[in-house]
Amino acid sequence: MTHPMSGRGAEAARNDGKILDAARDVFLADPNRPIAEVARQAGVGISALYRRYPSKEHLLRELAADGLTRFTNELESALMSPGDPWTVYCDCLQRVLEGRSQALAQRLAGTFTPTPELHELAATTGERYAELHDRTQRVGALRPDVTTADVVLLLEMLSVIDTPGASNGSALRRRYLTLILQALHASSAEPLPGPPASGEELSARWKP
């Protein structure tokens, strides 16, 4: 049986949600922005933010862990789906892009010192995405010359698309994801120039 939180506990939980939501927006745009900007956008005092996160490094680690966890959850859901592999793959990328979970974790790489637990979480996320990627390629739906790292970088690129002062950033991200998915579909495959991105290139970014 769960018990409702006290007024102070409920307020702290609301503040934490506001802080994390604001931090996602602030640091996805620029991981080097000051933590005071997060407090301002969240509408909380800087002392309230520091009570929950003693430093910017603590906050960045929490955001990266949250992004990787949400990305992993979406991947596991897709892997369990019995639907058409290409449709499942496309729907999964759409949800990931909307949540901006994957891009947030990748964008923060190198801006803080990751813990062993975070390294383990990142490895699990990579394994799950590789499973989904390989499954979609095995059925001949995803072009064979695209690597997991290629798609991770494409998602990161799409996630930072926005239009300051406007409300159609999400619509633009959906539009360009659809365009990219058409290019990723095996039926549209034309030879690509240059070598693909590698996992080593992505993992190197996690060194601060």
N, C-alpha and C. Protein backbone atom coordinates (compact mmCIF):
# COMPACT_ATOMS: atom_id res chain seq x y z
N MET A 1 0.84 -1.20 0.00
CA MET A 1 0.00 0.00 0.00
C MET A 1 0.88 1.25 0.00
N THR A 2 0.58 2.18 -0.90
CA THR A 2 1.35 3.41 -0.96
C THR A 2 0.63 4.50 -0.20
N HIS A 3 1.41 5.38 0.39
CA HIS A 3 0.85 6.48 1.17
C HIS A 3 1.14 7.79 0.45
N PRO A 4 0.20 8.71 0.44
CA PRO A 4 0.45 9.99 -0.23
C PRO A 4 1.57 10.75 0.46
N MET A 5 2.34 11.47 -0.34
CA MET A 5 3.44 12.23 0.21
C MET A 5 2.91 13.43 0.99
N SER A 6 3.71 13.87 1.93
CA SER A 6 3.36 15.07 2.67
C SER A 6 3.42 16.27 1.73
N GLY A 7 2.89 17.39 2.19
CA GLY A 7 2.90 18.59 1.35
C GLY A 7 4.30 18.97 0.95
N ARG A 8 5.24 18.88 1.89
CA ARG A 8 6.63 19.24 1.58
C ARG A 8 7.25 18.24 0.61
N GLY A 9 6.94 16.94 0.81
CA GLY A 9 7.48 15.93 -0.09
C GLY A 9 6.93 16.06 -1.49
N ALA A 10 5.63 16.36 -1.58
CA ALA A 10 5.01 16.53 -2.90
C ALA A 10 5.60 17.73 -3.62
N GLU A 11 5.85 18.80 -2.87
CA GLU A 11 6.43 19.99 -3.49
C GLU A 11 7.85 19.70 -3.98
N ALA A 12 8.61 18.94 -3.19
CA ALA A 12 9.98 18.59 -3.59
C ALA A 12 9.96 17.75 -4.87
N ALA A 13 8.99 16.82 -4.97
CA ALA A 13 8.88 15.99 -6.16
C ALA A 13 8.53 16.83 -7.38
N ARG A 14 7.61 17.79 -7.20
CA ARG A 14 7.24 18.68 -8.31
C ARG A 14 8.44 19.50 -8.76
N ASN A 15 9.18 20.02 -7.78
CA ASN A 15 10.36 20.82 -8.11
C ASN A 15 11.39 19.99 -8.86
N ASP A 16 11.56 18.73 -8.43
CA ASP A 16 12.53 17.88 -9.10
C ASP A 16 12.13 17.64 -10.55
N GLY A 17 10.82 17.42 -10.77
CA GLY A 17 10.34 17.25 -12.13
C GLY A 17 10.58 18.49 -12.98
N LYS A 18 10.33 19.65 -12.40
CA LYS A 18 10.56 20.91 -13.12
C LYS A 18 12.04 21.08 -13.45
N ILE A 19 12.89 20.74 -12.49
CA ILE A 19 14.33 20.90 -12.70
C ILE A 19 14.81 20.00 -13.83
N LEU A 20 14.39 18.74 -13.82
CA LEU A 20 14.83 17.81 -14.86
C LEU A 20 14.29 18.20 -16.23
N ASP A 21 13.04 18.64 -16.29
CA ASP A 21 12.47 19.07 -17.57
C ASP A 21 13.24 20.27 -18.12
N ALA A 22 13.52 21.23 -17.24
CA ALA A 22 14.25 22.42 -17.67
C ALA A 22 15.68 22.06 -18.09
N ALA A 23 16.31 21.18 -17.31
CA ALA A 23 17.69 20.80 -17.62
C ALA A 23 17.79 20.10 -18.97
N ARG A 24 16.79 19.30 -19.31
CA ARG A 24 16.79 18.64 -20.63
C ARG A 24 16.82 19.69 -21.74
N ASP A 25 15.95 20.69 -21.62
CA ASP A 25 15.89 21.73 -22.66
C ASP A 25 17.19 22.53 -22.71
N VAL A 26 17.68 22.92 -21.54
CA VAL A 26 18.86 23.79 -21.48
C VAL A 26 20.10 23.07 -21.99
N PHE A 27 20.34 21.85 -21.51
CA PHE A 27 21.59 21.18 -21.84
C PHE A 27 21.55 20.45 -23.17
N LEU A 28 20.35 20.14 -23.68
CA LEU A 28 20.28 19.58 -25.03
C LEU A 28 20.70 20.65 -26.03
N ALA A 29 20.32 21.89 -25.76
CA ALA A 29 20.72 23.00 -26.63
C ALA A 29 22.20 23.29 -26.50
N ASP A 30 22.72 23.26 -25.25
CA ASP A 30 24.14 23.56 -25.03
C ASP A 30 24.55 23.03 -23.66
N PRO A 31 25.29 21.91 -23.60
CA PRO A 31 25.69 21.34 -22.32
C PRO A 31 26.57 22.25 -21.47
N ASN A 32 27.13 23.30 -22.07
CA ASN A 32 28.02 24.19 -21.33
C ASN A 32 27.30 25.35 -20.64
N ARG A 33 25.98 25.41 -20.77
CA ARG A 33 25.26 26.50 -20.12
C ARG A 33 25.34 26.37 -18.60
N PRO A 34 25.28 27.48 -17.87
CA PRO A 34 25.38 27.43 -16.41
C PRO A 34 24.15 26.81 -15.78
N ILE A 35 24.33 26.22 -14.61
CA ILE A 35 23.24 25.55 -13.92
C ILE A 35 22.18 26.56 -13.46
N ALA A 36 22.59 27.81 -13.28
CA ALA A 36 21.63 28.85 -12.87
C ALA A 36 20.54 29.03 -13.92
N GLU A 37 20.87 28.78 -15.18
CA GLU A 37 19.87 28.90 -16.23
C GLU A 37 18.79 27.82 -16.10
N VAL A 38 19.18 26.67 -15.58
CA VAL A 38 18.21 25.59 -15.34
C VAL A 38 17.24 26.03 -14.26
N ALA A 39 17.78 26.59 -13.17
CA ALA A 39 16.91 27.06 -12.06
C ALA A 39 15.95 28.13 -12.55
N ARG A 40 16.45 29.03 -13.36
CA ARG A 40 15.60 30.11 -13.87
C ARG A 40 14.48 29.55 -14.74
N GLN A 41 14.81 28.65 -15.65
CA GLN A 41 13.79 28.10 -16.54
C GLN A 41 12.81 27.21 -15.78
N ALA A 42 13.28 26.54 -14.72
CA ALA A 42 12.40 25.68 -13.93
C ALA A 42 11.51 26.48 -12.99
N GLY A 43 11.87 27.75 -12.76
CA GLY A 43 11.09 28.58 -11.85
C GLY A 43 11.31 28.21 -10.40
N VAL A 44 12.52 27.72 -10.07
CA VAL A 44 12.84 27.39 -8.68
C VAL A 44 14.08 28.16 -8.28
N GLY A 45 14.27 28.31 -6.98
CA GLY A 45 15.45 29.00 -6.49
C GLY A 45 16.69 28.14 -6.68
N ILE A 46 17.83 28.80 -6.80
CA ILE A 46 19.07 28.06 -7.00
C ILE A 46 19.36 27.19 -5.79
N SER A 47 18.94 27.61 -4.59
CA SER A 47 19.19 26.81 -3.39
C SER A 47 18.37 25.52 -3.43
N ALA A 48 17.15 25.59 -3.98
CA ALA A 48 16.32 24.38 -4.11
C ALA A 48 16.95 23.40 -5.09
N LEU A 49 17.55 23.93 -6.15
CA LEU A 49 18.21 23.06 -7.13
C LEU A 49 19.42 22.39 -6.48
N TYR A 50 20.23 23.16 -5.75
CA TYR A 50 21.43 22.58 -5.15
C TYR A 50 21.12 21.61 -4.02
N ARG A 51 19.97 21.75 -3.39
CA ARG A 51 19.60 20.77 -2.37
C ARG A 51 19.38 19.40 -3.00
N ARG A 52 18.87 19.41 -4.21
CA ARG A 52 18.61 18.13 -4.91
C ARG A 52 19.84 17.66 -5.67
N TYR A 53 20.57 18.57 -6.28
CA TYR A 53 21.76 18.24 -7.06
C TYR A 53 22.90 19.13 -6.60
N PRO A 54 23.84 18.59 -5.83
CA PRO A 54 24.90 19.41 -5.22
C PRO A 54 25.80 20.13 -6.23
N SER A 55 25.83 19.65 -7.47
CA SER A 55 26.68 20.28 -8.47
C SER A 55 26.09 20.04 -9.86
N LYS A 56 26.60 20.76 -10.83
CA LYS A 56 26.18 20.55 -12.21
C LYS A 56 26.53 19.13 -12.65
N GLU A 57 27.65 18.62 -12.19
CA GLU A 57 28.06 17.26 -12.56
C GLU A 57 27.02 16.23 -12.10
N HIS A 58 26.50 16.40 -10.88
CA HIS A 58 25.46 15.49 -10.39
C HIS A 58 24.22 15.55 -11.29
N LEU A 59 23.84 16.75 -11.67
CA LEU A 59 22.65 16.92 -12.50
C LEU A 59 22.86 16.31 -13.88
N LEU A 60 24.03 16.52 -14.46
CA LEU A 60 24.31 15.96 -15.79
C LEU A 60 24.30 14.43 -15.75
N ARG A 61 24.85 13.85 -14.70
CA ARG A 61 24.83 12.39 -14.58
C ARG A 61 23.41 11.86 -14.48
N GLU A 62 22.58 12.56 -13.70
CA GLU A 62 21.19 12.14 -13.55
C GLU A 62 20.45 12.21 -14.89
N LEU A 63 20.70 13.27 -15.64
CA LEU A 63 20.05 13.43 -16.94
C LEU A 63 20.49 12.35 -17.92
N ALA A 64 21.79 12.05 -17.93
CA ALA A 64 22.30 11.02 -18.83
C ALA A 64 21.71 9.66 -18.48
N ALA A 65 21.66 9.36 -17.19
CA ALA A 65 21.08 8.08 -16.75
C ALA A 65 19.61 8.01 -17.11
N ASP A 66 18.89 9.10 -16.92
CA ASP A 66 17.47 9.12 -17.26
C ASP A 66 17.27 8.92 -18.77
N GLY A 67 18.09 9.59 -19.58
CA GLY A 67 17.98 9.45 -21.03
C GLY A 67 18.27 8.03 -21.48
N LEU A 68 19.33 7.42 -20.95
CA LEU A 68 19.67 6.06 -21.33
C LEU A 68 18.60 5.07 -20.88
N THR A 69 18.04 5.28 -19.70
CA THR A 69 17.00 4.38 -19.20
C THR A 69 15.76 4.45 -20.08
N ARG A 70 15.34 5.65 -20.44
CA ARG A 70 14.15 5.79 -21.28
C ARG A 70 14.40 5.24 -22.68
N PHE A 71 15.60 5.42 -23.19
CA PHE A 71 15.96 4.87 -24.50
C PHE A 71 15.92 3.35 -24.46
N THR A 72 16.48 2.76 -23.41
CA THR A 72 16.49 1.32 -23.26
C THR A 72 15.06 0.76 -23.16
N ASN A 73 14.22 1.45 -22.40
CA ASN A 73 12.83 1.00 -22.26
C ASN A 73 12.11 0.96 -23.60
N GLU A 74 12.34 1.97 -24.43
CA GLU A 74 11.71 2.00 -25.75
C GLU A 74 12.23 0.86 -26.62
N LEU A 75 13.53 0.60 -26.54
CA LEU A 75 14.12 -0.47 -27.34
C LEU A 75 13.59 -1.84 -26.91
N GLU A 76 13.49 -2.05 -25.61
CA GLU A 76 12.99 -3.34 -25.13
C GLU A 76 11.53 -3.54 -25.51
N SER A 77 10.76 -2.48 -25.48
CA SER A 77 9.37 -2.56 -25.90
C SER A 77 9.28 -2.95 -27.38
N ALA A 78 10.14 -2.36 -28.20
CA ALA A 78 10.14 -2.68 -29.62
C ALA A 78 10.57 -4.12 -29.87
N LEU A 79 11.56 -4.57 -29.12
CA LEU A 79 12.05 -5.94 -29.31
C LEU A 79 10.99 -6.97 -28.94
N MET A 80 10.10 -6.62 -28.04
CA MET A 80 9.04 -7.54 -27.62
C MET A 80 7.82 -7.47 -28.54
N SER A 81 7.77 -6.50 -29.44
CA SER A 81 6.61 -6.33 -30.29
C SER A 81 6.58 -7.40 -31.39
N PRO A 82 5.41 -8.00 -31.64
CA PRO A 82 5.30 -9.03 -32.68
C PRO A 82 4.96 -8.46 -34.06
N GLY A 83 4.93 -7.14 -34.17
CA GLY A 83 4.50 -6.53 -35.43
C GLY A 83 5.53 -6.61 -36.54
N ASP A 84 5.19 -6.02 -37.68
CA ASP A 84 6.10 -5.96 -38.83
C ASP A 84 7.40 -5.29 -38.40
N PRO A 85 8.55 -5.93 -38.61
CA PRO A 85 9.83 -5.40 -38.11
C PRO A 85 10.13 -3.97 -38.54
N TRP A 86 9.84 -3.63 -39.81
CA TRP A 86 10.14 -2.27 -40.26
C TRP A 86 9.23 -1.25 -39.58
N THR A 87 7.95 -1.58 -39.46
CA THR A 87 7.02 -0.67 -38.78
C THR A 87 7.40 -0.50 -37.32
N VAL A 88 7.76 -1.60 -36.67
CA VAL A 88 8.18 -1.54 -35.26
C VAL A 88 9.42 -0.67 -35.12
N TYR A 89 10.37 -0.84 -36.03
CA TYR A 89 11.61 -0.06 -35.99
C TYR A 89 11.31 1.43 -36.16
N CYS A 90 10.51 1.77 -37.14
CA CYS A 90 10.18 3.17 -37.40
C CYS A 90 9.42 3.79 -36.21
N ASP A 91 8.46 3.06 -35.68
CA ASP A 91 7.69 3.56 -34.54
C ASP A 91 8.59 3.78 -33.33
N CYS A 92 9.53 2.88 -33.12
CA CYS A 92 10.45 3.02 -32.00
C CYS A 92 11.31 4.27 -32.15
N LEU A 93 11.87 4.48 -33.32
CA LEU A 93 12.69 5.68 -33.53
C LEU A 93 11.87 6.95 -33.36
N GLN A 94 10.60 6.90 -33.77
CA GLN A 94 9.73 8.06 -33.61
C GLN A 94 9.55 8.38 -32.13
N ARG A 95 9.29 7.37 -31.31
CA ARG A 95 9.10 7.60 -29.88
C ARG A 95 10.39 8.09 -29.23
N VAL A 96 11.50 7.51 -29.62
CA VAL A 96 12.79 7.92 -29.07
C VAL A 96 13.07 9.38 -29.42
N LEU A 97 12.78 9.74 -30.66
CA LEU A 97 13.03 11.11 -31.08
C LEU A 97 12.13 12.09 -30.32
N GLU A 98 10.87 11.72 -30.14
CA GLU A 98 9.95 12.61 -29.42
C GLU A 98 10.40 12.79 -27.97
N GLY A 99 10.86 11.71 -27.34
CA GLY A 99 11.32 11.81 -25.96
C GLY A 99 12.69 12.45 -25.84
N ARG A 100 13.44 12.49 -26.94
CA ARG A 100 14.78 13.07 -27.01
C ARG A 100 15.71 12.47 -25.97
N SER A 101 15.42 11.21 -25.61
CA SER A 101 16.19 10.54 -24.57
C SER A 101 17.58 10.16 -25.05
N GLN A 102 17.65 9.55 -26.23
CA GLN A 102 18.93 9.08 -26.74
C GLN A 102 19.86 10.25 -27.01
N ALA A 103 19.33 11.29 -27.63
CA ALA A 103 20.17 12.43 -27.99
C ALA A 103 20.70 13.13 -26.75
N LEU A 104 19.87 13.20 -25.71
CA LEU A 104 20.31 13.87 -24.49
C LEU A 104 21.50 13.14 -23.89
N ALA A 105 21.40 11.82 -23.77
CA ALA A 105 22.50 11.05 -23.20
C ALA A 105 23.76 11.21 -24.04
N GLN A 106 23.63 11.14 -25.36
CA GLN A 106 24.79 11.23 -26.22
C GLN A 106 25.37 12.64 -26.22
N ARG A 107 24.51 13.63 -26.15
CA ARG A 107 24.99 15.02 -26.20
C ARG A 107 25.76 15.39 -24.94
N LEU A 108 25.41 14.76 -23.83
CA LEU A 108 26.08 15.07 -22.57
C LEU A 108 27.40 14.32 -22.42
N ALA A 109 27.64 13.35 -23.29
CA ALA A 109 28.86 12.55 -23.19
C ALA A 109 30.09 13.45 -23.23
N GLY A 110 31.00 13.20 -22.28
CA GLY A 110 32.23 13.98 -22.24
C GLY A 110 32.14 15.24 -21.41
N THR A 111 30.95 15.59 -20.91
CA THR A 111 30.81 16.82 -20.12
C THR A 111 30.88 16.55 -18.62
N PHE A 112 31.01 15.28 -18.23
CA PHE A 112 31.12 14.92 -16.82
C PHE A 112 31.82 13.57 -16.73
N THR A 113 32.20 13.19 -15.53
CA THR A 113 32.85 11.90 -15.32
C THR A 113 31.79 10.84 -15.04
N PRO A 114 31.61 9.87 -15.94
CA PRO A 114 30.57 8.85 -15.73
C PRO A 114 30.96 7.85 -14.65
N THR A 115 29.97 7.33 -13.97
CA THR A 115 30.18 6.31 -12.95
C THR A 115 30.22 4.93 -13.62
N PRO A 116 30.73 3.91 -12.92
CA PRO A 116 30.68 2.55 -13.47
C PRO A 116 29.25 2.12 -13.80
N GLU A 117 28.29 2.53 -12.98
CA GLU A 117 26.89 2.18 -13.23
C GLU A 117 26.40 2.80 -14.53
N LEU A 118 26.84 4.01 -14.81
CA LEU A 118 26.43 4.67 -16.05
C LEU A 118 27.05 4.00 -17.26
N HIS A 119 28.31 3.59 -17.12
CA HIS A 119 28.96 2.84 -18.20
C HIS A 119 28.19 1.55 -18.49
N GLU A 120 27.77 0.87 -17.43
CA GLU A 120 27.03 -0.38 -17.59
C GLU A 120 25.69 -0.14 -18.26
N LEU A 121 25.02 0.94 -17.87
CA LEU A 121 23.74 1.28 -18.47
C LEU A 121 23.91 1.61 -19.95
N ALA A 122 24.96 2.36 -20.29
CA ALA A 122 25.22 2.70 -21.69
C ALA A 122 25.50 1.44 -22.52
N ALA A 123 26.23 0.49 -21.91
CA ALA A 123 26.52 -0.76 -22.63
C ALA A 123 25.23 -1.55 -22.88
N THR A 124 24.35 -1.59 -21.88
CA THR A 124 23.08 -2.30 -22.04
C THR A 124 22.24 -1.65 -23.14
N THR A 125 22.20 -0.32 -23.14
CA THR A 125 21.44 0.40 -24.17
C THR A 125 21.98 0.07 -25.56
N GLY A 126 23.31 0.07 -25.69
CA GLY A 126 23.92 -0.24 -26.97
C GLY A 126 23.60 -1.65 -27.44
N GLU A 127 23.59 -2.59 -26.50
CA GLU A 127 23.25 -3.98 -26.86
C GLU A 127 21.81 -4.09 -27.35
N ARG A 128 20.90 -3.41 -26.67
CA ARG A 128 19.49 -3.48 -27.06
C ARG A 128 19.27 -2.86 -28.43
N TYR A 129 19.93 -1.72 -28.67
CA TYR A 129 19.75 -1.11 -29.99
C TYR A 129 20.36 -1.99 -31.08
N ALA A 130 21.50 -2.60 -30.80
CA ALA A 130 22.12 -3.48 -31.79
C ALA A 130 21.19 -4.65 -32.12
N GLU A 131 20.48 -5.17 -31.11
CA GLU A 131 19.52 -6.25 -31.36
C GLU A 131 18.42 -5.80 -32.31
N LEU A 132 17.87 -4.62 -32.04
CA LEU A 132 16.79 -4.12 -32.89
C LEU A 132 17.29 -3.82 -34.30
N HIS A 133 18.45 -3.19 -34.38
CA HIS A 133 19.05 -2.85 -35.67
C HIS A 133 19.31 -4.12 -36.49
N ASP A 134 19.95 -5.11 -35.85
CA ASP A 134 20.30 -6.34 -36.57
C ASP A 134 19.04 -7.09 -37.01
N ARG A 135 18.03 -7.12 -36.16
CA ARG A 135 16.79 -7.81 -36.52
C ARG A 135 16.16 -7.18 -37.75
N THR A 136 16.17 -5.84 -37.80
CA THR A 136 15.55 -5.14 -38.93
C THR A 136 16.36 -5.36 -40.21
N GLN A 137 17.68 -5.47 -40.06
CA GLN A 137 18.51 -5.75 -41.24
C GLN A 137 18.34 -7.19 -41.71
N ARG A 138 18.20 -8.13 -40.78
CA ARG A 138 18.10 -9.54 -41.16
C ARG A 138 16.87 -9.83 -42.02
N VAL A 139 15.79 -9.08 -41.78
CA VAL A 139 14.58 -9.31 -42.58
C VAL A 139 14.62 -8.52 -43.89
N GLY A 140 15.72 -7.81 -44.13
CA GLY A 140 15.87 -7.10 -45.39
C GLY A 140 15.15 -5.77 -45.46
N ALA A 141 14.76 -5.22 -44.29
CA ALA A 141 14.03 -3.96 -44.29
C ALA A 141 14.94 -2.75 -44.15
N LEU A 142 16.02 -2.90 -43.39
CA LEU A 142 16.96 -1.80 -43.15
C LEU A 142 18.18 -2.01 -44.03
N ARG A 143 18.61 -0.97 -44.72
CA ARG A 143 19.72 -1.12 -45.65
C ARG A 143 20.95 -1.70 -44.94
N PRO A 144 21.68 -2.59 -45.59
CA PRO A 144 22.74 -3.34 -44.93
C PRO A 144 24.01 -2.57 -44.66
N ASP A 145 24.19 -1.42 -45.30
CA ASP A 145 25.45 -0.68 -45.15
C ASP A 145 25.36 0.42 -44.09
N VAL A 146 24.33 0.38 -43.26
CA VAL A 146 24.16 1.39 -42.20
C VAL A 146 24.47 0.73 -40.86
N THR A 147 25.29 1.38 -40.05
CA THR A 147 25.65 0.84 -38.75
C THR A 147 24.77 1.44 -37.65
N THR A 148 24.83 0.82 -36.47
CA THR A 148 24.09 1.38 -35.33
C THR A 148 24.58 2.78 -35.02
N ALA A 149 25.88 3.00 -35.10
CA ALA A 149 26.42 4.33 -34.81
C ALA A 149 25.92 5.37 -35.81
N ASP A 150 25.75 4.97 -37.07
CA ASP A 150 25.18 5.89 -38.07
C ASP A 150 23.83 6.42 -37.59
N VAL A 151 22.97 5.50 -37.16
CA VAL A 151 21.61 5.89 -36.78
C VAL A 151 21.60 6.69 -35.49
N VAL A 152 22.46 6.34 -34.54
CA VAL A 152 22.56 7.10 -33.30
C VAL A 152 22.91 8.56 -33.59
N LEU A 153 23.86 8.76 -34.50
CA LEU A 153 24.26 10.13 -34.84
C LEU A 153 23.15 10.86 -35.59
N LEU A 154 22.41 10.15 -36.44
CA LEU A 154 21.29 10.77 -37.14
C LEU A 154 20.21 11.23 -36.15
N LEU A 155 19.91 10.39 -35.16
CA LEU A 155 18.91 10.75 -34.15
C LEU A 155 19.36 11.98 -33.35
N GLU A 156 20.64 12.01 -33.02
CA GLU A 156 21.16 13.16 -32.28
C GLU A 156 21.02 14.44 -33.12
N MET A 157 21.34 14.33 -34.39
CA MET A 157 21.23 15.48 -35.28
C MET A 157 19.79 15.98 -35.34
N LEU A 158 18.85 15.06 -35.47
CA LEU A 158 17.44 15.43 -35.56
C LEU A 158 16.94 16.04 -34.26
N SER A 159 17.43 15.56 -33.13
CA SER A 159 16.90 15.99 -31.84
C SER A 159 17.19 17.44 -31.51
N VAL A 160 18.22 18.00 -32.10
CA VAL A 160 18.54 19.40 -31.79
C VAL A 160 17.87 20.36 -32.75
N ILE A 161 17.07 19.84 -33.69
CA ILE A 161 16.33 20.73 -34.59
C ILE A 161 15.24 21.44 -33.80
N ASP A 162 15.24 22.74 -33.85
CA ASP A 162 14.21 23.51 -33.18
C ASP A 162 14.11 24.86 -33.88
N THR A 163 13.06 25.56 -33.55
CA THR A 163 12.85 26.89 -34.12
C THR A 163 12.57 27.84 -32.97
N PRO A 164 13.56 28.60 -32.50
CA PRO A 164 13.36 29.48 -31.37
C PRO A 164 12.17 30.41 -31.57
N GLY A 165 11.34 30.49 -30.54
CA GLY A 165 10.18 31.38 -30.61
C GLY A 165 8.99 30.79 -31.33
N ALA A 166 9.12 29.57 -31.86
CA ALA A 166 8.02 28.92 -32.57
C ALA A 166 7.68 27.62 -31.87
N SER A 167 6.62 26.98 -32.32
CA SER A 167 6.16 25.77 -31.65
C SER A 167 6.21 24.55 -32.56
N ASN A 168 6.88 24.66 -33.70
CA ASN A 168 6.83 23.56 -34.66
C ASN A 168 8.11 22.74 -34.70
N GLY A 169 8.94 22.84 -33.64
CA GLY A 169 10.16 22.03 -33.62
C GLY A 169 9.85 20.55 -33.69
N SER A 170 8.85 20.11 -32.93
CA SER A 170 8.48 18.69 -32.93
C SER A 170 8.00 18.25 -34.31
N ALA A 171 7.21 19.09 -34.98
CA ALA A 171 6.72 18.75 -36.31
C ALA A 171 7.87 18.65 -37.31
N LEU A 172 8.84 19.53 -37.19
CA LEU A 172 9.99 19.47 -38.09
C LEU A 172 10.80 18.21 -37.84
N ARG A 173 10.97 17.85 -36.56
CA ARG A 173 11.71 16.63 -36.27
C ARG A 173 11.02 15.41 -36.85
N ARG A 174 9.69 15.35 -36.76
CA ARG A 174 8.95 14.22 -37.35
C ARG A 174 9.12 14.22 -38.87
N ARG A 175 9.05 15.40 -39.47
CA ARG A 175 9.18 15.50 -40.93
C ARG A 175 10.53 14.95 -41.39
N TYR A 176 11.61 15.38 -40.73
CA TYR A 176 12.93 14.97 -41.18
C TYR A 176 13.24 13.53 -40.81
N LEU A 177 12.65 13.02 -39.72
CA LEU A 177 12.82 11.60 -39.42
C LEU A 177 12.18 10.76 -40.52
N THR A 178 11.00 11.16 -40.97
CA THR A 178 10.33 10.43 -42.06
C THR A 178 11.20 10.42 -43.31
N LEU A 179 11.82 11.55 -43.61
CA LEU A 179 12.70 11.65 -44.76
C LEU A 179 13.90 10.72 -44.61
N ILE A 180 14.48 10.69 -43.42
CA ILE A 180 15.65 9.83 -43.17
C ILE A 180 15.26 8.36 -43.21
N LEU A 181 14.09 8.01 -42.66
CA LEU A 181 13.65 6.62 -42.69
C LEU A 181 13.46 6.13 -44.11
N GLN A 182 13.00 7.00 -44.98
CA GLN A 182 12.86 6.61 -46.39
C GLN A 182 14.23 6.29 -46.98
N ALA A 183 15.24 7.03 -46.56
CA ALA A 183 16.60 6.76 -47.06
C ALA A 183 17.19 5.51 -46.43
N LEU A 184 16.77 5.19 -45.19
CA LEU A 184 17.29 4.02 -44.50
C LEU A 184 16.64 2.72 -44.97
N HIS A 185 15.49 2.82 -45.61
CA HIS A 185 14.78 1.62 -46.03
C HIS A 185 15.56 0.93 -47.15
N ALA A 186 15.67 -0.37 -47.02
CA ALA A 186 16.50 -1.12 -47.97
C ALA A 186 16.05 -0.96 -49.41
N SER A 187 14.76 -0.74 -49.62
CA SER A 187 14.25 -0.61 -50.99
C SER A 187 14.76 0.64 -51.68
N SER A 188 15.26 1.60 -50.89
CA SER A 188 15.76 2.84 -51.47
C SER A 188 17.28 2.90 -51.52
N ALA A 189 17.93 1.78 -51.18
CA ALA A 189 19.37 1.80 -50.99
C ALA A 189 20.15 2.11 -52.26
N GLU A 190 21.00 3.11 -52.15
CA GLU A 190 22.01 3.42 -53.16
C GLU A 190 23.34 3.41 -52.42
N PRO A 191 24.45 3.09 -53.10
CA PRO A 191 25.74 3.06 -52.41
C PRO A 191 26.04 4.39 -51.73
N LEU A 192 26.54 4.30 -50.49
CA LEU A 192 26.87 5.51 -49.73
C LEU A 192 28.36 5.82 -49.84
N PRO A 193 28.72 7.09 -49.90
CA PRO A 193 30.14 7.44 -49.96
C PRO A 193 30.78 7.34 -48.57
N GLY A 194 32.05 6.99 -48.53
CA GLY A 194 32.80 7.01 -47.28
C GLY A 194 32.44 5.88 -46.33
N PRO A 195 33.27 5.70 -45.31
CA PRO A 195 33.02 4.63 -44.32
C PRO A 195 31.92 5.03 -43.34
N PRO A 196 31.25 4.05 -42.72
CA PRO A 196 30.21 4.37 -41.74
C PRO A 196 30.82 4.79 -40.41
N ALA A 197 29.99 5.36 -39.54
CA ALA A 197 30.42 5.68 -38.19
C ALA A 197 30.63 4.38 -37.43
N SER A 198 31.49 4.42 -36.43
CA SER A 198 31.79 3.22 -35.65
C SER A 198 31.41 3.42 -34.19
N GLY A 199 31.24 2.30 -33.49
CA GLY A 199 30.94 2.37 -32.07
C GLY A 199 32.07 2.99 -31.29
N GLU A 200 33.31 2.79 -31.73
CA GLU A 200 34.46 3.37 -31.03
C GLU A 200 34.40 4.89 -31.05
N GLU A 201 33.91 5.45 -32.15
CA GLU A 201 33.80 6.91 -32.24
C GLU A 201 32.79 7.45 -31.24
N LEU A 202 31.72 6.71 -31.02
CA LEU A 202 30.72 7.14 -30.06
C LEU A 202 31.21 6.98 -28.63
N SER A 203 31.82 5.84 -28.33
CA SER A 203 32.26 5.60 -26.95
C SER A 203 33.37 6.54 -26.55
N ALA A 204 34.16 7.00 -27.50
CA ALA A 204 35.26 7.93 -27.18
C ALA A 204 34.73 9.25 -26.64
N ARG A 205 33.50 9.59 -26.97
CA ARG A 205 32.92 10.85 -26.51
C ARG A 205 32.62 10.83 -25.02
N TRP A 206 32.56 9.65 -24.42
CA TRP A 206 32.25 9.55 -22.99
C TRP A 206 33.45 9.83 -22.11
N LYS A 207 34.60 10.10 -22.72
CA LYS A 207 35.77 10.47 -21.92
C LYS A 207 35.76 11.98 -21.72
N PRO A 208 35.67 12.44 -20.47
CA PRO A 208 35.56 13.89 -20.24
C PRO A 208 36.82 14.63 -20.60
